Amino acid sequence: MVYKEILKKLELIESQLDDAYYSIPEYQSTSDALSYVDSARCELYSLRDDIEKSESYSKEKNNKNFI
């Protein structure tokens, strides 16, 4: 799997996590659920940033076949 495909999948996961986060009502009883979903979003953002900063990603992105 190439970086482009991984980033597309991460984008899909990010969208799903955003939907989950904003669909949970803000009550005292749901604060843990909101926290877990928000933590997952933060980890995903960190992973995406690490991939985009990697040398291999830069090399692949500079390849003419990267779209």
PDB file of N, CA and C in Angstrom:
ATOM      1  N   MET A   1       0.859  -1.182   0.000  1.00  0.00           N
ATOM      2  CA  MET A   1       0.000   0.000   0.000  1.00  0.00           C
ATOM      3  C   MET A   1       0.901   1.239   0.000  1.00  0.00           C
ATOM      4  N   VAL A   2       0.626   2.168  -0.861  1.00  0.00           N
ATOM      5  CA  VAL A   2       1.440   3.371  -0.972  1.00  0.00           C
ATOM      6  C   VAL A   2       0.905   4.453  -0.037  1.00  0.00           C
ATOM      7  N   TYR A   3       1.724   5.434   0.206  1.00  0.00           N
ATOM      8  CA  TYR A   3       1.361   6.492   1.144  1.00  0.00           C
ATOM      9  C   TYR A   3       0.066   7.197   0.756  1.00  0.00           C
ATOM     10  N   LYS A   4      -0.125   7.414  -0.523  1.00  0.00           N
ATOM     11  CA  LYS A   4      -1.334   8.097  -0.988  1.00  0.00           C
ATOM     12  C   LYS A   4      -2.577   7.345  -0.529  1.00  0.00           C
ATOM     13  N   GLU A   5      -2.545   6.019  -0.663  1.00  0.00           N
ATOM     14  CA  GLU A   5      -3.687   5.197  -0.256  1.00  0.00           C
ATOM     15  C   GLU A   5      -3.872   5.220   1.265  1.00  0.00           C
ATOM     16  N   ILE A   6      -2.766   5.186   1.983  1.00  0.00           N
ATOM     17  CA  ILE A   6      -2.835   5.240   3.443  1.00  0.00           C
ATOM     18  C   ILE A   6      -3.448   6.562   3.886  1.00  0.00           C
ATOM     19  N   LEU A   7      -3.009   7.658   3.288  1.00  0.00           N
ATOM     20  CA  LEU A   7      -3.538   8.969   3.660  1.00  0.00           C
ATOM     21  C   LEU A   7      -5.022   9.086   3.332  1.00  0.00           C
ATOM     22  N   LYS A   8      -5.456   8.496   2.235  1.00  0.00           N
ATOM     23  CA  LYS A   8      -6.890   8.506   1.892  1.00  0.00           C
ATOM     24  C   LYS A   8      -7.698   7.740   2.933  1.00  0.00           C
ATOM     25  N   LYS A   9      -7.172   6.598   3.382  1.00  0.00           N
ATOM     26  CA  LYS A   9      -7.862   5.823   4.415  1.00  0.00           C
ATOM     27  C   LYS A   9      -7.888   6.582   5.739  1.00  0.00           C
ATOM     28  N   LEU A  10      -6.795   7.250   6.065  1.00  0.00           N
ATOM     29  CA  LEU A  10      -6.759   8.051   7.289  1.00  0.00           C
ATOM     30  C   LEU A  10      -7.761   9.206   7.218  1.00  0.00           C
ATOM     31  N   GLU A  11      -7.915   9.773   6.038  1.00  0.00           N
ATOM     32  CA  GLU A  11      -8.892  10.842   5.843  1.00  0.00           C
ATOM     33  C   GLU A  11     -10.315  10.324   6.081  1.00  0.00           C
ATOM     34  N   LEU A  12     -10.586   9.116   5.607  1.00  0.00           N
ATOM     35  CA  LEU A  12     -11.895   8.500   5.824  1.00  0.00           C
ATOM     36  C   LEU A  12     -12.128   8.224   7.307  1.00  0.00           C
ATOM     37  N   ILE A  13     -11.116   7.695   7.983  1.00  0.00           N
ATOM     38  CA  ILE A  13     -11.224   7.434   9.419  1.00  0.00           C
ATOM     39  C   ILE A  13     -11.429   8.740  10.179  1.00  0.00           C
ATOM     40  N   GLU A  14     -10.707   9.783   9.778  1.00  0.00           N
ATOM     41  CA  GLU A  14     -10.861  11.093  10.417  1.00  0.00           C
ATOM     42  C   GLU A  14     -12.301  11.584  10.286  1.00  0.00           C
ATOM     43  N   SER A  15     -12.869  11.446   9.120  1.00  0.00           N
ATOM     44  CA  SER A  15     -14.248  11.876   8.887  1.00  0.00           C
ATOM     45  C   SER A  15     -15.216  11.090   9.769  1.00  0.00           C
ATOM     46  N   GLN A  16     -14.990   9.792   9.875  1.00  0.00           N
ATOM     47  CA  GLN A  16     -15.856   8.968  10.703  1.00  0.00           C
ATOM     48  C   GLN A  16     -15.728   9.321  12.181  1.00  0.00           C
ATOM     49  N   LEU A  17     -14.509   9.596  12.622  1.00  0.00           N
ATOM     50  CA  LEU A  17     -14.311   9.999  14.015  1.00  0.00           C
ATOM     51  C   LEU A  17     -14.951  11.359  14.291  1.00  0.00           C
ATOM     52  N   ASP A  18     -14.850  12.264  13.346  1.00  0.00           N
ATOM     53  CA  ASP A  18     -15.501  13.568  13.500  1.00  0.00           C
ATOM     54  C   ASP A  18     -17.018  13.398  13.620  1.00  0.00           C
ATOM     55  N   ASP A  19     -17.581  12.559  12.752  1.00  0.00           N
ATOM     56  CA  ASP A  19     -19.020  12.297  12.814  1.00  0.00           C
ATOM     57  C   ASP A  19     -19.408  11.696  14.161  1.00  0.00           C
ATOM     58  N   ALA A  20     -18.600  10.744  14.635  1.00  0.00           N
ATOM     59  CA  ALA A  20     -18.881  10.107  15.928  1.00  0.00           C
ATOM     60  C   ALA A  20     -18.810  11.134  17.059  1.00  0.00           C
ATOM     61  N   TYR A  21     -17.772  11.955  17.033  1.00  0.00           N
ATOM     62  CA  TYR A  21     -17.592  12.949  18.093  1.00  0.00           C
ATOM     63  C   TYR A  21     -18.778  13.916  18.153  1.00  0.00           C
ATOM     64  N   TYR A  22     -19.186  14.414  16.996  1.00  0.00           N
ATOM     65  CA  TYR A  22     -20.254  15.413  16.979  1.00  0.00           C
ATOM     66  C   TYR A  22     -21.653  14.814  17.112  1.00  0.00           C
ATOM     67  N   SER A  23     -21.768  13.496  17.027  1.00  0.00           N
ATOM     68  CA  SER A  23     -23.085  12.882  17.211  1.00  0.00           C
ATOM     69  C   SER A  23     -23.319  12.440  18.656  1.00  0.00           C
ATOM     70  N   ILE A  24     -22.277  12.474  19.486  1.00  0.00           N
ATOM     71  CA  ILE A  24     -22.434  12.114  20.899  1.00  0.00           C
ATOM     72  C   ILE A  24     -22.952  13.344  21.647  1.00  0.00           C
ATOM     73  N   PRO A  25     -24.090  13.208  22.330  1.00  0.00           N
ATOM     74  CA  PRO A  25     -24.611  14.358  23.075  1.00  0.00           C
ATOM     75  C   PRO A  25     -23.687  14.709  24.250  1.00  0.00           C
ATOM     76  N   GLU A  26     -23.637  15.983  24.559  1.00  0.00           N
ATOM     77  CA  GLU A  26     -22.757  16.452  25.633  1.00  0.00           C
ATOM     78  C   GLU A  26     -23.479  16.396  26.976  1.00  0.00           C
ATOM     79  N   TYR A  27     -23.402  15.235  27.592  1.00  0.00           N
ATOM     80  CA  TYR A  27     -23.943  15.030  28.939  1.00  0.00           C
ATOM     81  C   TYR A  27     -22.821  14.524  29.823  1.00  0.00           C
ATOM     82  N   GLN A  28     -23.018  14.646  31.113  1.00  0.00           N
ATOM     83  CA  GLN A  28     -22.043  14.130  32.075  1.00  0.00           C
ATOM     84  C   GLN A  28     -21.769  12.651  31.820  1.00  0.00           C
ATOM     85  N   SER A  29     -22.804  11.904  31.481  1.00  0.00           N
ATOM     86  CA  SER A  29     -22.660  10.459  31.292  1.00  0.00           C
ATOM     87  C   SER A  29     -21.928  10.086  29.999  1.00  0.00           C
ATOM     88  N   THR A  30     -21.771  11.009  29.082  1.00  0.00           N
ATOM     89  CA  THR A  30     -21.084  10.702  27.820  1.00  0.00           C
ATOM     90  C   THR A  30     -19.703  11.337  27.725  1.00  0.00           C
ATOM     91  N   SER A  31     -19.248  11.947  28.797  1.00  0.00           N
ATOM     92  CA  SER A  31     -17.956  12.641  28.744  1.00  0.00           C
ATOM     93  C   SER A  31     -16.804  11.685  28.455  1.00  0.00           C
ATOM     94  N   ASP A  32     -16.869  10.456  28.984  1.00  0.00           N
ATOM     95  CA  ASP A  32     -15.810   9.485  28.690  1.00  0.00           C
ATOM     96  C   ASP A  32     -15.789   9.134  27.206  1.00  0.00           C
ATOM     97  N   ALA A  33     -16.955   8.914  26.623  1.00  0.00           N
ATOM     98  CA  ALA A  33     -17.033   8.571  25.196  1.00  0.00           C
ATOM     99  C   ALA A  33     -16.458   9.697  24.348  1.00  0.00           C
ATOM    100  N   LEU A  34     -16.816  10.940  24.664  1.00  0.00           N
ATOM    101  CA  LEU A  34     -16.278  12.084  23.927  1.00  0.00           C
ATOM    102  C   LEU A  34     -14.760  12.139  24.045  1.00  0.00           C
ATOM    103  N   SER A  35     -14.270  11.870  25.237  1.00  0.00           N
ATOM    104  CA  SER A  35     -12.828  11.901  25.476  1.00  0.00           C
ATOM    105  C   SER A  35     -12.111  10.818  24.677  1.00  0.00           C
ATOM    106  N   TYR A  36     -12.670   9.610  24.627  1.00  0.00           N
ATOM    107  CA  TYR A  36     -12.049   8.516  23.876  1.00  0.00           C
ATOM    108  C   TYR A  36     -12.016   8.822  22.378  1.00  0.00           C
ATOM    109  N   VAL A  37     -13.110   9.325  21.852  1.00  0.00           N
ATOM    110  CA  VAL A  37     -13.164   9.643  20.429  1.00  0.00           C
ATOM    111  C   VAL A  37     -12.199  10.788  20.115  1.00  0.00           C
ATOM    112  N   ASP A  38     -12.149  11.789  20.983  1.00  0.00           N
ATOM    113  CA  ASP A  38     -11.242  12.910  20.766  1.00  0.00           C
ATOM    114  C   ASP A  38      -9.784  12.456  20.831  1.00  0.00           C
ATOM    115  N   SER A  39      -9.472  11.549  21.734  1.00  0.00           N
ATOM    116  CA  SER A  39      -8.106  11.011  21.822  1.00  0.00           C
ATOM    117  C   SER A  39      -7.737  10.253  20.552  1.00  0.00           C
ATOM    118  N   ALA A  40      -8.682   9.486  20.017  1.00  0.00           N
ATOM    119  CA  ALA A  40      -8.430   8.762  18.775  1.00  0.00           C
ATOM    120  C   ALA A  40      -8.169   9.742  17.634  1.00  0.00           C
ATOM    121  N   ARG A  41      -8.930  10.834  17.600  1.00  0.00           N
ATOM    122  CA  ARG A  41      -8.713  11.859  16.567  1.00  0.00           C
ATOM    123  C   ARG A  41      -7.322  12.458  16.694  1.00  0.00           C
ATOM    124  N   CYS A  42      -6.890  12.746  17.904  1.00  0.00           N
ATOM    125  CA  CYS A  42      -5.553  13.324  18.116  1.00  0.00           C
ATOM    126  C   CYS A  42      -4.461  12.364  17.651  1.00  0.00           C
ATOM    127  N   GLU A  43      -4.612  11.080  17.964  1.00  0.00           N
ATOM    128  CA  GLU A  43      -3.632  10.083  17.526  1.00  0.00           C
ATOM    129  C   GLU A  43      -3.593   9.993  16.001  1.00  0.00           C
ATOM    130  N   LEU A  44      -4.749  10.062  15.387  1.00  0.00           N
ATOM    131  CA  LEU A  44      -4.832  10.015  13.928  1.00  0.00           C
ATOM    132  C   LEU A  44      -4.137  11.224  13.313  1.00  0.00           C
ATOM    133  N   TYR A  45      -4.378  12.417  13.859  1.00  0.00           N
ATOM    134  CA  TYR A  45      -3.719  13.631  13.350  1.00  0.00           C
ATOM    135  C   TYR A  45      -2.207  13.498  13.466  1.00  0.00           C
ATOM    136  N   SER A  46      -1.747  12.962  14.592  1.00  0.00           N
ATOM    137  CA  SER A  46      -0.318  12.790  14.816  1.00  0.00           C
ATOM    138  C   SER A  46       0.279  11.804  13.811  1.00  0.00           C
ATOM    139  N   LEU A  47      -0.413  10.703  13.575  1.00  0.00           N
ATOM    140  CA  LEU A  47       0.045   9.711  12.610  1.00  0.00           C
ATOM    141  C   LEU A  47       0.115  10.296  11.208  1.00  0.00           C
ATOM    142  N   ARG A  48      -0.917  11.031  10.831  1.00  0.00           N
ATOM    143  CA  ARG A  48      -0.934  11.647   9.499  1.00  0.00           C
ATOM    144  C   ARG A  48       0.227  12.640   9.354  1.00  0.00           C
ATOM    145  N   ASP A  49       0.458  13.443  10.379  1.00  0.00           N
ATOM    146  CA  ASP A  49       1.570  14.397  10.331  1.00  0.00           C
ATOM    147  C   ASP A  49       2.914  13.678  10.209  1.00  0.00           C
ATOM    148  N   ASP A  50       3.078  12.582  10.970  1.00  0.00           N
ATOM    149  CA  ASP A  50       4.325  11.820  10.895  1.00  0.00           C
ATOM    150  C   ASP A  50       4.546  11.266   9.498  1.00  0.00           C
ATOM    151  N   ILE A  51       3.486  10.766   8.880  1.00  0.00           N
ATOM    152  CA  ILE A  51       3.603  10.226   7.519  1.00  0.00           C
ATOM    153  C   ILE A  51       3.984  11.329   6.545  1.00  0.00           C
ATOM    154  N   GLU A  52       3.309  12.466   6.645  1.00  0.00           N
ATOM    155  CA  GLU A  52       3.567  13.566   5.712  1.00  0.00           C
ATOM    156  C   GLU A  52       4.955  14.164   5.880  1.00  0.00           C
ATOM    157  N   LYS A  53       5.548  14.004   7.054  1.00  0.00           N
ATOM    158  CA  LYS A  53       6.891  14.537   7.299  1.00  0.00           C
ATOM    159  C   LYS A  53       7.994  13.529   6.972  1.00  0.00           C
ATOM    160  N   SER A  54       7.613  12.285   6.708  1.00  0.00           N
ATOM    161  CA  SER A  54       8.616  11.246   6.473  1.00  0.00           C
ATOM    162  C   SER A  54       9.317  11.446   5.136  1.00  0.00           C
ATOM    163  N   GLU A  55      10.568  10.991   5.083  1.00  0.00           N
ATOM    164  CA  GLU A  55      11.351  11.110   3.857  1.00  0.00           C
ATOM    165  C   GLU A  55      10.757  10.265   2.735  1.00  0.00           C
ATOM    166  N   SER A  56      10.295   9.077   3.075  1.00  0.00           N
ATOM    167  CA  SER A  56       9.737   8.180   2.055  1.00  0.00           C
ATOM    168  C   SER A  56       8.513   8.795   1.401  1.00  0.00           C
ATOM    169  N   TYR A  57       7.676   9.456   2.211  1.00  0.00           N
ATOM    170  CA  TYR A  57       6.487  10.110   1.660  1.00  0.00           C
ATOM    171  C   TYR A  57       6.903  11.225   0.713  1.00  0.00           C
ATOM    172  N   SER A  58       7.893  11.998   1.101  1.00  0.00           N
ATOM    173  CA  SER A  58       8.364  13.091   0.249  1.00  0.00           C
ATOM    174  C   SER A  58       8.888  12.573  -1.077  1.00  0.00           C
ATOM    175  N   LYS A  59       9.614  11.471  -1.021  1.00  0.00           N
ATOM    176  CA  LYS A  59      10.148  10.883  -2.257  1.00  0.00           C
ATOM    177  C   LYS A  59       9.004  10.399  -3.144  1.00  0.00           C
ATOM    178  N   GLU A  60       8.016   9.726  -2.531  1.00  0.00           N
ATOM    179  CA  GLU A  60       6.886   9.215  -3.310  1.00  0.00           C
ATOM    180  C   GLU A  60       6.063  10.374  -3.892  1.00  0.00           C
ATOM    181  N   LYS A  61       5.894  11.425  -3.108  1.00  0.00           N
ATOM    182  CA  LYS A  61       5.113  12.575  -3.562  1.00  0.00           C
ATOM    183  C   LYS A  61       5.792  13.260  -4.759  1.00  0.00           C
ATOM    184  N   ASN A  62       7.113  13.281  -4.747  1.00  0.00           N
ATOM    185  CA  ASN A  62       7.853  13.897  -5.849  1.00  0.00           C
ATOM    186  C   ASN A  62       7.891  13.025  -7.085  1.00  0.00           C
ATOM    187  N   ASN A  63       7.491  11.779  -6.955  1.00  0.00           N
ATOM    188  CA  ASN A  63       7.420  10.859  -8.089  1.00  0.00           C
ATOM    189  C   ASN A  63       6.285  11.336  -9.013  1.00  0.00           C
ATOM    190  N   LYS A  64       6.479  11.258 -10.285  1.00  0.00           N
ATOM    191  CA  LYS A  64       5.481  11.732 -11.238  1.00  0.00           C
ATOM    192  C   LYS A  64       4.191  10.927 -11.193  1.00  0.00           C
ATOM    193  N   ASN A  65       4.194   9.718 -10.645  1.00  0.00           N
ATOM    194  CA  ASN A  65       3.006   8.891 -10.586  1.00  0.00           C
ATOM    195  C   ASN A  65       2.139   9.204  -9.375  1.00  0.00           C
ATOM    196  N   PHE A  66       2.585  10.069  -8.496  1.00  0.00           N
ATOM    197  CA  PHE A  66       1.806  10.420  -7.300  1.00  0.00           C
ATOM    198  C   PHE A  66       0.680  11.356  -7.681  1.00  0.00           C
ATOM    199  N   ILE A  67      -0.546  10.946  -7.391  1.00  0.00           N
ATOM    200  CA  ILE A  67      -1.714  11.792  -7.712  1.00  0.00           C
ATOM    201  C   ILE A  67      -2.581  11.883  -6.492  1.00  0.00           C
TER     202      ILE A  67
END
